[in-house]
Protein backbone atom coordinates (compact mmCIF):
# COMPACT_ATOMS: atom_id res chain seq x y z
CA UNK A 1 -49.81 10.73 167.09
CA UNK A 2 -49.66 14.00 165.19
CA UNK A 3 -51.15 17.16 166.65
CA UNK A 4 -53.91 18.62 164.50
CA UNK A 5 -55.61 21.98 164.78
CA UNK A 6 -59.01 21.33 166.31
CA UNK A 7 -60.79 24.54 165.35
CA UNK A 8 -63.82 22.61 164.17
CA UNK A 9 -64.30 21.30 167.70
CA UNK A 10 -64.79 24.75 169.23
CA UNK A 11 -68.23 25.39 167.72
CA UNK A 12 -69.38 21.86 168.49
CA UNK A 13 -68.24 21.94 172.12
CA UNK A 14 -69.56 25.40 172.81
CA UNK A 15 -72.84 24.80 171.02
CA UNK A 16 -73.46 21.76 173.19
CA UNK A 17 -72.64 23.69 176.35
CA UNK A 18 -74.62 26.75 175.36
CA UNK A 19 -77.60 24.72 174.21
CA UNK A 20 -77.78 23.11 177.64
CA UNK A 21 -77.23 26.41 179.43
CA UNK A 22 -79.79 28.46 177.56
CA UNK A 23 -82.33 26.03 176.12
CA UNK A 24 -84.62 26.20 179.13
CA UNK A 25 -84.75 29.99 179.29
CA UNK A 26 -86.68 32.16 176.80
CA UNK A 27 -84.41 34.65 175.01
CA UNK A 28 -84.63 37.33 172.38
CA UNK A 29 -82.16 37.58 169.53
CA UNK A 30 -79.26 40.05 169.66
CA UNK A 31 -79.62 42.32 166.63
CA UNK A 32 -77.00 41.80 163.92
CA UNK A 33 -76.18 45.52 164.00
CA UNK A 34 -75.08 45.20 167.66
CA UNK A 35 -72.79 42.30 166.79
CA UNK A 36 -71.47 44.11 163.70
CA UNK A 37 -70.67 47.26 165.69
CA UNK A 38 -68.95 45.24 168.40
CA UNK A 39 -66.96 43.12 165.96
CA UNK A 40 -65.81 46.10 163.88
CA UNK A 41 -63.59 47.02 166.87
CA UNK A 42 -61.82 43.66 166.84
CA UNK A 43 -58.60 42.57 165.08
CA UNK A 44 -60.43 39.90 163.06
CA UNK A 45 -63.96 41.30 162.57
CA UNK A 46 -65.13 38.60 160.15
CA UNK A 47 -64.24 35.77 162.54
CA UNK A 48 -66.01 37.66 165.32
CA UNK A 49 -69.18 38.32 163.29
CA UNK A 50 -69.42 34.78 161.98
CA UNK A 51 -68.79 33.24 165.39
CA UNK A 52 -71.10 35.44 167.43
CA UNK A 53 -73.94 35.40 164.91
CA UNK A 54 -73.64 31.63 164.67
CA UNK A 55 -73.89 31.23 168.44
CA UNK A 56 -76.69 33.74 168.89
CA UNK A 57 -78.80 31.88 166.34
CA UNK A 58 -78.07 28.39 167.66
CA UNK A 59 -78.26 29.17 171.36
CA UNK A 60 -80.87 31.95 171.24
CA UNK A 61 -78.60 34.24 173.26
CA UNK A 62 -80.46 37.33 174.35
CA UNK A 63 -78.13 40.05 175.54
CA UNK A 64 -74.67 41.52 175.51
CA UNK A 65 -73.83 39.95 178.85
CA UNK A 66 -74.30 36.51 177.33
CA UNK A 67 -72.16 37.53 174.35
CA UNK A 68 -69.43 38.38 176.86
CA UNK A 69 -69.78 34.94 178.43
CA UNK A 70 -69.58 33.30 174.99
CA UNK A 71 -66.38 35.15 174.11
CA UNK A 72 -64.74 34.08 177.38
CA UNK A 73 -65.86 30.48 176.81
CA UNK A 74 -64.47 30.54 173.27
CA UNK A 75 -61.10 31.73 174.58
CA UNK A 76 -61.23 29.09 177.32
CA UNK A 77 -61.88 26.33 174.81
CA UNK A 78 -59.03 27.53 172.60
CA UNK A 79 -56.67 27.65 175.60
CA UNK A 80 -57.61 24.06 176.45
CA UNK A 81 -57.01 22.90 172.86
CA UNK A 82 -53.65 24.67 172.76
CA UNK A 83 -52.57 23.25 176.13
CA UNK A 84 -53.53 19.75 174.97
CA UNK A 85 -51.48 20.30 171.82
CA UNK A 86 -48.43 21.07 173.94
CA UNK A 87 -49.02 17.90 175.96
CA UNK A 88 -49.26 15.80 172.82
CA UNK A 89 -46.13 17.20 171.20
CA UNK A 90 -44.19 17.00 174.46
CA UNK A 91 -44.72 13.23 174.64
CA UNK A 92 -42.67 12.66 171.48
CA UNK A 93 -40.09 15.44 171.75
CA UNK A 94 -36.44 14.37 172.05
CA UNK A 95 -34.63 17.72 172.09
CA UNK A 96 -34.08 18.99 175.67
CA UNK A 97 -34.34 22.70 174.77
CA UNK A 98 -37.61 22.13 172.95
CA UNK A 99 -38.89 19.97 175.81
CA UNK A 100 -38.16 22.76 178.29
CA UNK A 101 -39.91 25.25 176.05
CA UNK A 102 -42.93 22.96 175.70
CA UNK A 103 -43.07 22.42 179.48
CA UNK A 104 -42.96 26.19 180.04
CA UNK A 105 -45.76 26.65 177.52
CA UNK A 106 -47.77 23.88 179.10
CA UNK A 107 -47.48 25.71 182.43
CA UNK A 108 -48.29 29.06 180.81
CA UNK A 109 -51.43 27.65 179.19
CA UNK A 110 -52.49 25.96 182.42
CA UNK A 111 -52.39 29.38 184.07
CA UNK A 112 -54.10 30.91 181.02
CA UNK A 113 -56.88 28.37 181.32
CA UNK A 114 -57.25 29.00 185.06
CA UNK A 115 -57.49 32.77 184.47
CA UNK A 116 -60.17 32.35 181.80
CA UNK A 117 -62.16 29.94 183.96
CA UNK A 118 -62.02 32.46 186.81
CA UNK A 119 -63.23 35.19 184.42
CA UNK A 120 -66.17 32.97 183.49
CA UNK A 121 -67.03 32.57 187.18
CA UNK A 122 -67.02 36.35 187.63
CA UNK A 123 -69.57 36.62 184.83
CA UNK A 124 -72.26 35.47 187.27
CA UNK A 125 -71.64 38.66 189.25
CA UNK A 126 -71.27 40.77 186.09
CA UNK A 127 -67.87 41.88 187.39
CA UNK A 128 -66.61 43.04 184.00
CA UNK A 129 -63.55 44.87 185.35
CA UNK A 130 -62.46 41.73 187.17
CA UNK A 131 -63.11 39.68 184.04
CA UNK A 132 -61.04 42.09 181.93
CA UNK A 133 -58.18 41.87 184.43
CA UNK A 134 -58.22 38.07 184.26
CA UNK A 135 -58.47 37.96 180.45
CA UNK A 136 -55.54 40.41 180.22
CA UNK A 137 -53.52 38.16 182.54
CA UNK A 138 -54.43 35.18 180.34
CA UNK A 139 -53.23 37.11 177.29
CA UNK A 140 -49.90 37.77 179.00
CA UNK A 141 -49.42 34.10 179.85
CA UNK A 142 -50.11 32.97 176.29
CA UNK A 143 -47.76 35.72 175.06
CA UNK A 144 -45.03 34.41 177.41
CA UNK A 145 -45.33 31.07 175.67
CA UNK A 146 -45.28 32.63 172.20
CA UNK A 147 -42.19 34.69 173.03
CA UNK A 148 -40.35 31.46 173.85
CA UNK A 149 -40.51 30.49 170.16
CA UNK A 150 -37.77 33.05 169.54
CA UNK A 151 -35.27 31.03 171.57
CA UNK A 152 -35.73 27.78 169.67
CA UNK A 153 -33.72 26.77 166.61
CA UNK A 154 -36.88 25.38 164.98
CA UNK A 155 -40.59 25.80 165.55
CA UNK A 156 -42.18 22.76 167.26
CA UNK A 157 -45.49 22.91 165.36
CA UNK A 158 -47.26 25.02 162.75
CA UNK A 159 -50.58 24.05 164.37
CA UNK A 160 -49.45 25.53 167.70
CA UNK A 161 -48.61 28.80 165.96
CA UNK A 162 -52.08 28.80 164.39
CA UNK A 163 -53.64 28.11 167.79
CA UNK A 164 -51.72 31.01 169.29
CA UNK A 165 -53.13 33.29 166.58
CA UNK A 166 -56.64 32.04 167.36
CA UNK A 167 -56.01 32.78 171.06
CA UNK A 168 -55.09 36.36 170.13
CA UNK A 169 -58.31 36.80 168.14
CA UNK A 170 -60.55 35.16 170.74
CA UNK A 171 -59.01 37.07 173.64
CA UNK A 172 -59.45 40.26 171.62
CA UNK A 173 -63.13 39.39 171.15
CA UNK A 174 -63.51 38.81 174.88
CA UNK A 175 -61.72 42.01 175.89
CA UNK A 176 -63.62 44.27 173.50
CA UNK A 177 -66.95 42.70 174.48
CA UNK A 178 -66.19 43.06 178.18
CA UNK A 179 -65.12 46.70 177.74
CA UNK A 180 -68.40 47.42 175.98
CA UNK A 181 -70.26 45.76 178.84
CA UNK A 182 -68.87 48.18 181.34
CA UNK A 183 -65.32 47.28 182.15
């Protein structure tokens, strides 16, 4: 079974979650100018603007706090997709060096996922400094995995490289948003 980039699943999964989370509560719309100003600080501003505006319209998100939660959830979903990609590729890998690398990455992304889930839990307390610390630690774990590519004779998957890049962008969105919120 070939590993495919599942970027189209992120909006669907998060929309479903956010719809359930926010559908019962009345919300006001976050102004586009707030999202634009926030996203202009991010490495990939167009991805940020499109993503956040899409979610604010569909989920009726009201405030910056909820934008912070969305960015952490986006990074969490991407970490889960990336970790699952490592699992899938690992099942068919024959080369021992590549297997070891994939196992290390699987462990790194398990920790990454745990850190992002913990950051989401801190959002209930609006502990933005704690959330930033956890997102930074998640960034380091995903970077540990990425740095392991240098030691391999060949790259295990183009899709995994693309997922790493998405992790960078989504973590950047989360960190900038959390800093704006008071971290």
